[in-house]
Amino acid sequence: MKKSALCLLFIAFVAGGVFTSCHKTVDKNATDFIGTWTGASATNNYQIVIKDDGTGIYTKYESVTVSETYSGKVRYYDNTLQFDKEKFDVNQIPTLNGSIWSMQIESIMYVKQ
């Protein structure tokens, strides 16, 4: 009985490690994402703020009114940037061109401020 309980505990530990390694927090594994980013489309403005503690906020503005906001733990994995439970496709990871950082998320180009 003790052997099977130890085996189950080991399996749970390994499974937990695999799950957490797939969802890496931005502060430890994707530091280029950290900062304040702004972007715009024809009808909306966007701001993403990612702090070095791995938390952040995504805000979408229609005109001057906030239309969407997501905040919480920020994770980056499999070309996905996740704010709490909301996921966004990353089309281009943060890239440095000269002195300007840019990235593209959900077809919106963002520039680091």
PDB file of N, CA and C in Angstrom:
ATOM      1  N   MET A   1       0.819  -1.200   0.000  1.00  0.00           N
ATOM      2  CA  MET A   1       0.000   0.000   0.000  1.00  0.00           C
ATOM      3  C   MET A   1       0.855   1.253   0.000  1.00  0.00           C
ATOM      4  N   LYS A   2       1.915   1.247   0.790  1.00  0.00           N
ATOM      5  CA  LYS A   2       2.799   2.398   0.851  1.00  0.00           C
ATOM      6  C   LYS A   2       3.484   2.648  -0.482  1.00  0.00           C
ATOM      7  N   LYS A   3       3.847   1.583  -1.167  1.00  0.00           N
ATOM      8  CA  LYS A   3       4.537   1.694  -2.443  1.00  0.00           C
ATOM      9  C   LYS A   3       3.630   2.359  -3.491  1.00  0.00           C
ATOM     10  N   SER A   4       2.363   1.981  -3.527  1.00  0.00           N
ATOM     11  CA  SER A   4       1.446   2.567  -4.503  1.00  0.00           C
ATOM     12  C   SER A   4       1.152   4.031  -4.183  1.00  0.00           C
ATOM     13  N   ALA A   5       1.088   4.380  -2.911  1.00  0.00           N
ATOM     14  CA  ALA A   5       0.868   5.777  -2.533  1.00  0.00           C
ATOM     15  C   ALA A   5       2.058   6.628  -2.937  1.00  0.00           C
ATOM     16  N   LEU A   6       3.266   6.117  -2.753  1.00  0.00           N
ATOM     17  CA  LEU A   6       4.468   6.835  -3.172  1.00  0.00           C
ATOM     18  C   LEU A   6       4.506   6.987  -4.681  1.00  0.00           C
ATOM     19  N   CYS A   7       4.107   5.946  -5.383  1.00  0.00           N
ATOM     20  CA  CYS A   7       4.076   5.987  -6.843  1.00  0.00           C
ATOM     21  C   CYS A   7       3.091   7.058  -7.326  1.00  0.00           C
ATOM     22  N   LEU A   8       1.909   7.122  -6.743  1.00  0.00           N
ATOM     23  CA  LEU A   8       0.917   8.137  -7.104  1.00  0.00           C
ATOM     24  C   LEU A   8       1.418   9.548  -6.810  1.00  0.00           C
ATOM     25  N   LEU A   9       2.084   9.699  -5.669  1.00  0.00           N
ATOM     26  CA  LEU A   9       2.640  11.001  -5.308  1.00  0.00           C
ATOM     27  C   LEU A   9       3.697  11.434  -6.309  1.00  0.00           C
ATOM     28  N   PHE A  10       4.552  10.499  -6.716  1.00  0.00           N
ATOM     29  CA  PHE A  10       5.591  10.790  -7.701  1.00  0.00           C
ATOM     30  C   PHE A  10       4.977  11.194  -9.040  1.00  0.00           C
ATOM     31  N   ILE A  11       3.956  10.467  -9.483  1.00  0.00           N
ATOM     32  CA  ILE A  11       3.291  10.776 -10.747  1.00  0.00           C
ATOM     33  C   ILE A  11       2.642  12.157 -10.683  1.00  0.00           C
ATOM     34  N   ALA A  12       1.996  12.479  -9.578  1.00  0.00           N
ATOM     35  CA  ALA A  12       1.371  13.797  -9.423  1.00  0.00           C
ATOM     36  C   ALA A  12       2.424  14.905  -9.456  1.00  0.00           C
ATOM     37  N   PHE A  13       3.562  14.660  -8.822  1.00  0.00           N
ATOM     38  CA  PHE A  13       4.643  15.644  -8.801  1.00  0.00           C
ATOM     39  C   PHE A  13       5.191  15.880 -10.204  1.00  0.00           C
ATOM     40  N   VAL A  14       5.439  14.809 -10.945  1.00  0.00           N
ATOM     41  CA  VAL A  14       5.966  14.923 -12.306  1.00  0.00           C
ATOM     42  C   VAL A  14       4.950  15.607 -13.214  1.00  0.00           C
ATOM     43  N   ALA A  15       3.690  15.217 -13.112  1.00  0.00           N
ATOM     44  CA  ALA A  15       2.650  15.836 -13.937  1.00  0.00           C
ATOM     45  C   ALA A  15       2.534  17.321 -13.635  1.00  0.00           C
ATOM     46  N   GLY A  16       2.616  17.698 -12.376  1.00  0.00           N
ATOM     47  CA  GLY A  16       2.571  19.114 -12.004  1.00  0.00           C
ATOM     48  C   GLY A  16       3.741  19.881 -12.577  1.00  0.00           C
ATOM     49  N   GLY A  17       4.908  19.281 -12.570  1.00  0.00           N
ATOM     50  CA  GLY A  17       6.093  19.923 -13.141  1.00  0.00           C
ATOM     51  C   GLY A  17       5.980  20.103 -14.637  1.00  0.00           C
ATOM     52  N   VAL A  18       5.443  19.112 -15.325  1.00  0.00           N
ATOM     53  CA  VAL A  18       5.257  19.212 -16.771  1.00  0.00           C
ATOM     54  C   VAL A  18       4.266  20.312 -17.095  1.00  0.00           C
ATOM     55  N   PHE A  19       3.158  20.376 -16.358  1.00  0.00           N
ATOM     56  CA  PHE A  19       2.147  21.397 -16.620  1.00  0.00           C
ATOM     57  C   PHE A  19       2.702  22.793 -16.404  1.00  0.00           C
ATOM     58  N   THR A  20       3.407  23.024 -15.317  1.00  0.00           N
ATOM     59  CA  THR A  20       3.910  24.372 -15.040  1.00  0.00           C
ATOM     60  C   THR A  20       5.027  24.758 -15.977  1.00  0.00           C
ATOM     61  N   SER A  21       5.790  23.803 -16.492  1.00  0.00           N
ATOM     62  CA  SER A  21       6.863  24.158 -17.416  1.00  0.00           C
ATOM     63  C   SER A  21       6.310  24.562 -18.775  1.00  0.00           C
ATOM     64  N   CYS A  22       5.110  24.125 -19.121  1.00  0.00           N
ATOM     65  CA  CYS A  22       4.505  24.482 -20.396  1.00  0.00           C
ATOM     66  C   CYS A  22       3.966  25.907 -20.383  1.00  0.00           C
ATOM     67  N   HIS A  23       3.621  26.415 -19.227  1.00  0.00           N
ATOM     68  CA  HIS A  23       3.068  27.752 -19.084  1.00  0.00           C
ATOM     69  C   HIS A  23       4.056  28.594 -18.291  1.00  0.00           C
ATOM     70  N   LYS A  24       4.991  29.206 -18.990  1.00  0.00           N
ATOM     71  CA  LYS A  24       6.065  29.942 -18.342  1.00  0.00           C
ATOM     72  C   LYS A  24       5.642  31.370 -18.057  1.00  0.00           C
ATOM     73  N   THR A  25       5.918  31.816 -16.853  1.00  0.00           N
ATOM     74  CA  THR A  25       5.594  33.199 -16.534  1.00  0.00           C
ATOM     75  C   THR A  25       6.557  34.115 -17.272  1.00  0.00           C
ATOM     76  N   VAL A  26       6.058  35.267 -17.628  1.00  0.00           N
ATOM     77  CA  VAL A  26       6.850  36.207 -18.405  1.00  0.00           C
ATOM     78  C   VAL A  26       8.078  36.676 -17.636  1.00  0.00           C
ATOM     79  N   ASP A  27       7.994  36.844 -16.322  1.00  0.00           N
ATOM     80  CA  ASP A  27       9.104  37.403 -15.568  1.00  0.00           C
ATOM     81  C   ASP A  27      10.351  36.520 -15.602  1.00  0.00           C
ATOM     82  N   LYS A  28      10.213  35.227 -15.725  1.00  0.00           N
ATOM     83  CA  LYS A  28      11.364  34.338 -15.670  1.00  0.00           C
ATOM     84  C   LYS A  28      11.817  33.845 -17.033  1.00  0.00           C
ATOM     85  N   ASN A  29      10.944  33.792 -18.018  1.00  0.00           N
ATOM     86  CA  ASN A  29      11.257  33.110 -19.256  1.00  0.00           C
ATOM     87  C   ASN A  29      11.088  33.927 -20.527  1.00  0.00           C
ATOM     88  N   ALA A  30      10.493  35.071 -20.452  1.00  0.00           N
ATOM     89  CA  ALA A  30      10.278  35.882 -21.646  1.00  0.00           C
ATOM     90  C   ALA A  30      10.419  37.357 -21.281  1.00  0.00           C
ATOM     91  N   THR A  31      11.574  37.723 -20.800  1.00  0.00           N
ATOM     92  CA  THR A  31      11.773  39.079 -20.270  1.00  0.00           C
ATOM     93  C   THR A  31      11.614  40.173 -21.320  1.00  0.00           C
ATOM     94  N   ASP A  32      11.742  39.850 -22.601  1.00  0.00           N
ATOM     95  CA  ASP A  32      11.559  40.879 -23.635  1.00  0.00           C
ATOM     96  C   ASP A  32      10.134  41.416 -23.670  1.00  0.00           C
ATOM     97  N   PHE A  33       9.177  40.681 -23.128  1.00  0.00           N
ATOM     98  CA  PHE A  33       7.788  41.129 -23.085  1.00  0.00           C
ATOM     99  C   PHE A  33       7.553  42.192 -22.019  1.00  0.00           C
ATOM    100  N   ILE A  34       8.429  42.287 -21.033  1.00  0.00           N
ATOM    101  CA  ILE A  34       8.226  43.203 -19.908  1.00  0.00           C
ATOM    102  C   ILE A  34       8.299  44.656 -20.379  1.00  0.00           C
ATOM    103  N   GLY A  35       7.305  45.457 -19.963  1.00  0.00           N
ATOM    104  CA  GLY A  35       7.278  46.872 -20.305  1.00  0.00           C
ATOM    105  C   GLY A  35       5.885  47.328 -20.665  1.00  0.00           C
ATOM    106  N   THR A  36       5.797  48.545 -21.170  1.00  0.00           N
ATOM    107  CA  THR A  36       4.531  49.127 -21.609  1.00  0.00           C
ATOM    108  C   THR A  36       4.534  49.171 -23.126  1.00  0.00           C
ATOM    109  N   TRP A  37       3.511  48.586 -23.714  1.00  0.00           N
ATOM    110  CA  TRP A  37       3.384  48.474 -25.162  1.00  0.00           C
ATOM    111  C   TRP A  37       2.106  49.171 -25.613  1.00  0.00           C
ATOM    112  N   THR A  38       2.158  49.865 -26.748  1.00  0.00           N
ATOM    113  CA  THR A  38       0.961  50.475 -27.314  1.00  0.00           C
ATOM    114  C   THR A  38       0.818  50.056 -28.769  1.00  0.00           C
ATOM    115  N   GLY A  39      -0.439  49.954 -29.184  1.00  0.00           N
ATOM    116  CA  GLY A  39      -0.737  49.592 -30.564  1.00  0.00           C
ATOM    117  C   GLY A  39      -2.047  50.232 -30.980  1.00  0.00           C
ATOM    118  N   ALA A  40      -2.329  50.168 -32.284  1.00  0.00           N
ATOM    119  CA  ALA A  40      -3.560  50.772 -32.794  1.00  0.00           C
ATOM    120  C   ALA A  40      -4.018  50.048 -34.052  1.00  0.00           C
ATOM    121  N   SER A  41      -5.337  50.031 -34.223  1.00  0.00           N
ATOM    122  CA  SER A  41      -5.943  49.574 -35.472  1.00  0.00           C
ATOM    123  C   SER A  41      -6.714  50.768 -36.035  1.00  0.00           C
ATOM    124  N   ALA A  42      -7.467  50.553 -37.084  1.00  0.00           N
ATOM    125  CA  ALA A  42      -8.236  51.650 -37.684  1.00  0.00           C
ATOM    126  C   ALA A  42      -9.278  52.211 -36.722  1.00  0.00           C
ATOM    127  N   THR A  43      -9.778  51.374 -35.802  1.00  0.00           N
ATOM    128  CA  THR A  43     -10.868  51.817 -34.928  1.00  0.00           C
ATOM    129  C   THR A  43     -10.550  51.784 -33.438  1.00  0.00           C
ATOM    130  N   ASN A  44      -9.451  51.138 -33.050  1.00  0.00           N
ATOM    131  CA  ASN A  44      -9.168  50.952 -31.625  1.00  0.00           C
ATOM    132  C   ASN A  44      -7.714  51.257 -31.286  1.00  0.00           C
ATOM    133  N   ASN A  45      -7.486  51.580 -30.018  1.00  0.00           N
ATOM    134  CA  ASN A  45      -6.139  51.707 -29.467  1.00  0.00           C
ATOM    135  C   ASN A  45      -5.970  50.623 -28.408  1.00  0.00           C
ATOM    136  N   TYR A  46      -4.733  50.188 -28.202  1.00  0.00           N
ATOM    137  CA  TYR A  46      -4.449  49.100 -27.281  1.00  0.00           C
ATOM    138  C   TYR A  46      -3.256  49.459 -26.403  1.00  0.00           C
ATOM    139  N   GLN A  47      -3.287  48.965 -25.186  1.00  0.00           N
ATOM    140  CA  GLN A  47      -2.132  49.103 -24.296  1.00  0.00           C
ATOM    141  C   GLN A  47      -1.952  47.793 -23.537  1.00  0.00           C
ATOM    142  N   ILE A  48      -0.707  47.360 -23.502  1.00  0.00           N
ATOM    143  CA  ILE A  48      -0.332  46.185 -22.727  1.00  0.00           C
ATOM    144  C   ILE A  48       0.762  46.615 -21.771  1.00  0.00           C
ATOM    145  N   VAL A  49       0.567  46.336 -20.488  1.00  0.00           N
ATOM    146  CA  VAL A  49       1.591  46.620 -19.482  1.00  0.00           C
ATOM    147  C   VAL A  49       1.933  45.294 -18.815  1.00  0.00           C
ATOM    148  N   ILE A  50       3.210  44.908 -18.900  1.00  0.00           N
ATOM    149  CA  ILE A  50       3.668  43.670 -18.272  1.00  0.00           C
ATOM    150  C   ILE A  50       4.776  44.034 -17.295  1.00  0.00           C
ATOM    151  N   LYS A  51       4.556  43.698 -16.038  1.00  0.00           N
ATOM    152  CA  LYS A  51       5.514  44.028 -14.977  1.00  0.00           C
ATOM    153  C   LYS A  51       6.525  42.895 -14.805  1.00  0.00           C
ATOM    154  N   ASP A  52       7.647  43.226 -14.180  1.00  0.00           N
ATOM    155  CA  ASP A  52       8.694  42.219 -13.995  1.00  0.00           C
ATOM    156  C   ASP A  52       8.337  41.171 -12.947  1.00  0.00           C
ATOM    157  N   ASP A  53       7.209  41.334 -12.251  1.00  0.00           N
ATOM    158  CA  ASP A  53       6.771  40.294 -11.313  1.00  0.00           C
ATOM    159  C   ASP A  53       5.859  39.269 -11.994  1.00  0.00           C
ATOM    160  N   GLY A  54       5.677  39.407 -13.325  1.00  0.00           N
ATOM    161  CA  GLY A  54       4.878  38.443 -14.072  1.00  0.00           C
ATOM    162  C   GLY A  54       3.394  38.753 -14.131  1.00  0.00           C
ATOM    163  N   THR A  55       2.995  39.930 -13.673  1.00  0.00           N
ATOM    164  CA  THR A  55       1.596  40.335 -13.768  1.00  0.00           C
ATOM    165  C   THR A  55       1.472  41.413 -14.840  1.00  0.00           C
ATOM    166  N   GLY A  56       0.255  41.608 -15.310  1.00  0.00           N
ATOM    167  CA  GLY A  56       0.069  42.624 -16.332  1.00  0.00           C
ATOM    168  C   GLY A  56      -1.379  42.934 -16.576  1.00  0.00           C
ATOM    169  N   ILE A  57      -1.587  43.864 -17.507  1.00  0.00           N
ATOM    170  CA  ILE A  57      -2.939  44.282 -17.877  1.00  0.00           C
ATOM    171  C   ILE A  57      -2.975  44.567 -19.375  1.00  0.00           C
ATOM    172  N   TYR A  58      -4.024  44.094 -20.004  1.00  0.00           N
ATOM    173  CA  TYR A  58      -4.301  44.346 -21.412  1.00  0.00           C
ATOM    174  C   TYR A  58      -5.531  45.239 -21.462  1.00  0.00           C
ATOM    175  N   THR A  59      -5.453  46.343 -22.220  1.00  0.00           N
ATOM    176  CA  THR A  59      -6.583  47.260 -22.326  1.00  0.00           C
ATOM    177  C   THR A  59      -6.831  47.593 -23.793  1.00  0.00           C
ATOM    178  N   LYS A  60      -8.092  47.507 -24.190  1.00  0.00           N
ATOM    179  CA  LYS A  60      -8.524  47.893 -25.537  1.00  0.00           C
ATOM    180  C   LYS A  60      -9.431  49.105 -25.393  1.00  0.00           C
ATOM    181  N   TYR A  61      -9.140  50.144 -26.173  1.00  0.00           N
ATOM    182  CA  TYR A  61      -9.919  51.386 -26.135  1.00  0.00           C
ATOM    183  C   TYR A  61     -10.654  51.565 -27.460  1.00  0.00           C
ATOM    184  N   GLU A  62     -11.946  51.818 -27.401  1.00  0.00           N
ATOM    185  CA  GLU A  62     -12.710  52.243 -28.568  1.00  0.00           C
ATOM    186  C   GLU A  62     -12.916  53.734 -28.389  1.00  0.00           C
ATOM    187  N   SER A  63     -12.316  54.499 -29.256  1.00  0.00           N
ATOM    188  CA  SER A  63     -12.295  55.944 -29.115  1.00  0.00           C
ATOM    189  C   SER A  63     -11.528  56.261 -27.827  1.00  0.00           C
ATOM    190  N   VAL A  64     -12.163  56.807 -26.820  1.00  0.00           N
ATOM    191  CA  VAL A  64     -11.481  57.063 -25.550  1.00  0.00           C
ATOM    192  C   VAL A  64     -12.060  56.217 -24.425  1.00  0.00           C
ATOM    193  N   THR A  65     -12.966  55.319 -24.757  1.00  0.00           N
ATOM    194  CA  THR A  65     -13.633  54.488 -23.763  1.00  0.00           C
ATOM    195  C   THR A  65     -12.988  53.105 -23.703  1.00  0.00           C
ATOM    196  N   VAL A  66     -12.738  52.616 -22.501  1.00  0.00           N
ATOM    197  CA  VAL A  66     -12.198  51.264 -22.329  1.00  0.00           C
ATOM    198  C   VAL A  66     -13.284  50.275 -22.705  1.00  0.00           C
ATOM    199  N   SER A  67     -12.993  49.400 -23.680  1.00  0.00           N
ATOM    200  CA  SER A  67     -14.000  48.424 -24.086  1.00  0.00           C
ATOM    201  C   SER A  67     -13.675  47.015 -23.592  1.00  0.00           C
ATOM    202  N   GLU A  68     -12.404  46.718 -23.377  1.00  0.00           N
ATOM    203  CA  GLU A  68     -11.997  45.422 -22.837  1.00  0.00           C
ATOM    204  C   GLU A  68     -10.785  45.614 -21.951  1.00  0.00           C
ATOM    205  N   THR A  69     -10.733  44.852 -20.883  1.00  0.00           N
ATOM    206  CA  THR A  69      -9.542  44.856 -20.038  1.00  0.00           C
ATOM    207  C   THR A  69      -9.385  43.482 -19.398  1.00  0.00           C
ATOM    208  N   TYR A  70      -8.159  42.999 -19.384  1.00  0.00           N
ATOM    209  CA  TYR A  70      -7.824  41.724 -18.759  1.00  0.00           C
ATOM    210  C   TYR A  70      -6.576  41.947 -17.928  1.00  0.00           C
ATOM    211  N   SER A  71      -6.558  41.374 -16.741  1.00  0.00           N
ATOM    212  CA  SER A  71      -5.375  41.546 -15.893  1.00  0.00           C
ATOM    213  C   SER A  71      -5.116  40.282 -15.102  1.00  0.00           C
ATOM    214  N   GLY A  72      -3.913  40.194 -14.575  1.00  0.00           N
ATOM    215  CA  GLY A  72      -3.531  39.047 -13.763  1.00  0.00           C
ATOM    216  C   GLY A  72      -2.168  38.532 -14.147  1.00  0.00           C
ATOM    217  N   LYS A  73      -1.919  37.283 -13.838  1.00  0.00           N
ATOM    218  CA  LYS A  73      -0.651  36.637 -14.157  1.00  0.00           C
ATOM    219  C   LYS A  73      -0.504  36.546 -15.671  1.00  0.00           C
ATOM    220  N   VAL A  74       0.676  36.881 -16.182  1.00  0.00           N
ATOM    221  CA  VAL A  74       0.928  36.838 -17.615  1.00  0.00           C
ATOM    222  C   VAL A  74       1.841  35.658 -17.917  1.00  0.00           C
ATOM    223  N   ARG A  75       1.426  34.850 -18.889  1.00  0.00           N
ATOM    224  CA  ARG A  75       2.212  33.687 -19.290  1.00  0.00           C
ATOM    225  C   ARG A  75       2.424  33.718 -20.800  1.00  0.00           C
ATOM    226  N   TYR A  76       3.572  33.194 -21.228  1.00  0.00           N
ATOM    227  CA  TYR A  76       3.869  33.072 -22.654  1.00  0.00           C
ATOM    228  C   TYR A  76       4.224  31.623 -22.951  1.00  0.00           C
ATOM    229  N   TYR A  77       3.545  31.021 -23.925  1.00  0.00           N
ATOM    230  CA  TYR A  77       3.808  29.643 -24.336  1.00  0.00           C
ATOM    231  C   TYR A  77       3.191  29.409 -25.715  1.00  0.00           C
ATOM    232  N   ASP A  78       3.841  28.580 -26.507  1.00  0.00           N
ATOM    233  CA  ASP A  78       3.317  28.168 -27.825  1.00  0.00           C
ATOM    234  C   ASP A  78       2.750  29.333 -28.625  1.00  0.00           C
ATOM    235  N   ASN A  79       3.491  30.423 -28.727  1.00  0.00           N
ATOM    236  CA  ASN A  79       3.049  31.614 -29.455  1.00  0.00           C
ATOM    237  C   ASN A  79       1.719  32.162 -28.936  1.00  0.00           C
ATOM    238  N   THR A  80       1.519  32.021 -27.631  1.00  0.00           N
ATOM    239  CA  THR A  80       0.320  32.545 -26.974  1.00  0.00           C
ATOM    240  C   THR A  80       0.740  33.393 -25.781  1.00  0.00           C
ATOM    241  N   LEU A  81       0.156  34.574 -25.666  1.00  0.00           N
ATOM    242  CA  LEU A  81       0.342  35.423 -24.498  1.00  0.00           C
ATOM    243  C   LEU A  81      -0.978  35.388 -23.738  1.00  0.00           C
ATOM    244  N   GLN A  82      -0.918  35.019 -22.469  1.00  0.00           N
ATOM    245  CA  GLN A  82      -2.137  34.822 -21.684  1.00  0.00           C
ATOM    246  C   GLN A  82      -2.148  35.761 -20.491  1.00  0.00           C
ATOM    247  N   PHE A  83      -3.240  36.527 -20.366  1.00  0.00           N
ATOM    248  CA  PHE A  83      -3.499  37.393 -19.216  1.00  0.00           C
ATOM    249  C   PHE A  83      -4.590  36.711 -18.406  1.00  0.00           C
ATOM    250  N   ASP A  84      -4.234  36.179 -17.258  1.00  0.00           N
ATOM    251  CA  ASP A  84      -5.152  35.385 -16.445  1.00  0.00           C
ATOM    252  C   ASP A  84      -5.687  34.259 -17.312  1.00  0.00           C
ATOM    253  N   LYS A  85      -6.937  34.290 -17.734  1.00  0.00           N
ATOM    254  CA  LYS A  85      -7.495  33.209 -18.556  1.00  0.00           C
ATOM    255  C   LYS A  85      -7.684  33.606 -20.023  1.00  0.00           C
ATOM    256  N   GLU A  86      -7.458  34.861 -20.363  1.00  0.00           N
ATOM    257  CA  GLU A  86      -7.652  35.346 -21.731  1.00  0.00           C
ATOM    258  C   GLU A  86      -6.375  35.135 -22.549  1.00  0.00           C
ATOM    259  N   LYS A  87      -6.500  34.502 -23.717  1.00  0.00           N
ATOM    260  CA  LYS A  87      -5.349  34.152 -24.553  1.00  0.00           C
ATOM    261  C   LYS A  87      -5.324  34.970 -25.833  1.00  0.00           C
ATOM    262  N   PHE A  88      -4.109  35.346 -26.254  1.00  0.00           N
ATOM    263  CA  PHE A  88      -3.899  36.106 -27.476  1.00  0.00           C
ATOM    264  C   PHE A  88      -2.802  35.435 -28.302  1.00  0.00           C
ATOM    265  N   ASP A  89      -3.005  35.366 -29.621  1.00  0.00           N
ATOM    266  CA  ASP A  89      -1.996  34.800 -30.510  1.00  0.00           C
ATOM    267  C   ASP A  89      -0.879  35.804 -30.727  1.00  0.00           C
ATOM    268  N   VAL A  90       0.360  35.339 -30.559  1.00  0.00           N
ATOM    269  CA  VAL A  90       1.528  36.178 -30.805  1.00  0.00           C
ATOM    270  C   VAL A  90       2.015  35.883 -32.224  1.00  0.00           C
ATOM    271  N   ASN A  91       1.880  36.882 -33.112  1.00  0.00           N
ATOM    272  CA  ASN A  91       2.324  36.722 -34.491  1.00  0.00           C
ATOM    273  C   ASN A  91       3.814  37.003 -34.641  1.00  0.00           C
ATOM    274  N   GLN A  92       4.329  37.891 -33.792  1.00  0.00           N
ATOM    275  CA  GLN A  92       5.758  38.224 -33.788  1.00  0.00           C
ATOM    276  C   GLN A  92       6.165  38.500 -32.353  1.00  0.00           C
ATOM    277  N   ILE A  93       7.151  37.770 -31.856  1.00  0.00           N
ATOM    278  CA  ILE A  93       7.649  38.002 -30.500  1.00  0.00           C
ATOM    279  C   ILE A  93       8.364  39.345 -30.451  1.00  0.00           C
ATOM    280  N   PRO A  94       8.603  39.894 -29.266  1.00  0.00           N
ATOM    281  CA  PRO A  94       9.316  41.168 -29.179  1.00  0.00           C
ATOM    282  C   PRO A  94      10.645  41.104 -29.934  1.00  0.00           C
ATOM    283  N   THR A  95      10.833  42.102 -30.806  1.00  0.00           N
ATOM    284  CA  THR A  95      12.004  42.170 -31.665  1.00  0.00           C
ATOM    285  C   THR A  95      12.588  43.569 -31.579  1.00  0.00           C
ATOM    286  N   LEU A  96      13.909  43.638 -31.451  1.00  0.00           N
ATOM    287  CA  LEU A  96      14.600  44.929 -31.380  1.00  0.00           C
ATOM    288  C   LEU A  96      15.130  45.289 -32.758  1.00  0.00           C
ATOM    289  N   ASN A  97      14.652  46.431 -33.300  1.00  0.00           N
ATOM    290  CA  ASN A  97      15.141  46.975 -34.568  1.00  0.00           C
ATOM    291  C   ASN A  97      15.761  48.327 -34.271  1.00  0.00           C
ATOM    292  N   GLY A  98      17.095  48.387 -34.267  1.00  0.00           N
ATOM    293  CA  GLY A  98      17.781  49.608 -33.870  1.00  0.00           C
ATOM    294  C   GLY A  98      17.559  49.830 -32.392  1.00  0.00           C
ATOM    295  N   SER A  99      16.789  50.850 -32.056  1.00  0.00           N
ATOM    296  CA  SER A  99      16.481  51.119 -30.649  1.00  0.00           C
ATOM    297  C   SER A  99      14.997  50.958 -30.348  1.00  0.00           C
ATOM    298  N   ILE A 100      14.233  50.412 -31.297  1.00  0.00           N
ATOM    299  CA  ILE A 100      12.784  50.283 -31.138  1.00  0.00           C
ATOM    300  C   ILE A 100      12.390  48.816 -30.999  1.00  0.00           C
ATOM    301  N   TRP A 101      11.672  48.525 -29.901  1.00  0.00           N
ATOM    302  CA  TRP A 101      11.120  47.191 -29.678  1.00  0.00           C
ATOM    303  C   TRP A 101       9.720  47.145 -30.260  1.00  0.00           C
ATOM    304  N   SER A 102       9.409  46.074 -31.000  1.00  0.00           N
ATOM    305  CA  SER A 102       8.050  45.888 -31.510  1.00  0.00           C
ATOM    306  C   SER A 102       7.662  44.420 -31.385  1.00  0.00           C
ATOM    307  N   MET A 103       6.359  44.182 -31.367  1.00  0.00           N
ATOM    308  CA  MET A 103       5.811  42.829 -31.390  1.00  0.00           C
ATOM    309  C   MET A 103       4.440  42.903 -32.037  1.00  0.00           C
ATOM    310  N   GLN A 104       3.955  41.766 -32.514  1.00  0.00           N
ATOM    311  CA  GLN A 104       2.633  41.739 -33.137  1.00  0.00           C
ATOM    312  C   GLN A 104       1.786  40.684 -32.447  1.00  0.00           C
ATOM    313  N   ILE A 105       0.630  41.104 -31.963  1.00  0.00           N
ATOM    314  CA  ILE A 105      -0.306  40.219 -31.275  1.00  0.00           C
ATOM    315  C   ILE A 105      -1.677  40.401 -31.911  1.00  0.00           C
ATOM    316  N   GLU A 106      -2.281  39.273 -32.320  1.00  0.00           N
ATOM    317  CA  GLU A 106      -3.611  39.317 -32.950  1.00  0.00           C
ATOM    318  C   GLU A 106      -3.625  40.309 -34.117  1.00  0.00           C
ATOM    319  N   SER A 107      -2.562  40.319 -34.913  1.00  0.00           N
ATOM    320  CA  SER A 107      -2.408  41.183 -36.089  1.00  0.00           C
ATOM    321  C   SER A 107      -2.296  42.662 -35.771  1.00  0.00           C
ATOM    322  N   ILE A 108      -2.113  43.025 -34.507  1.00  0.00           N
ATOM    323  CA  ILE A 108      -1.894  44.424 -34.112  1.00  0.00           C
ATOM    324  C   ILE A 108      -0.417  44.583 -33.794  1.00  0.00           C
ATOM    325  N   MET A 109       0.224  45.584 -34.393  1.00  0.00           N
ATOM    326  CA  MET A 109       1.631  45.865 -34.130  1.00  0.00           C
ATOM    327  C   MET A 109       1.722  46.758 -32.888  1.00  0.00           C
ATOM    328  N   TYR A 110       2.558  46.336 -31.944  1.00  0.00           N
ATOM    329  CA  TYR A 110       2.781  47.074 -30.697  1.00  0.00           C
ATOM    330  C   TYR A 110       4.215  47.570 -30.661  1.00  0.00           C
ATOM    331  N   VAL A 111       4.403  48.743 -30.057  1.00  0.00           N
ATOM    332  CA  VAL A 111       5.725  49.326 -29.862  1.00  0.00           C
ATOM    333  C   VAL A 111       5.928  49.547 -28.375  1.00  0.00           C
ATOM    334  N   LYS A 112       7.112  49.174 -27.898  1.00  0.00           N
ATOM    335  CA  LYS A 112       7.424  49.366 -26.476  1.00  0.00           C
ATOM    336  C   LYS A 112       7.731  50.828 -26.224  1.00  0.00           C
ATOM    337  N   GLN A 113       7.112  51.386 -25.182  1.00  0.00           N
ATOM    338  CA  GLN A 113       7.297  52.803 -24.824  1.00  0.00           C
ATOM    339  C   GLN A 113       8.487  53.002 -23.918  1.00  0.00           C
TER     340      GLN A 113
END
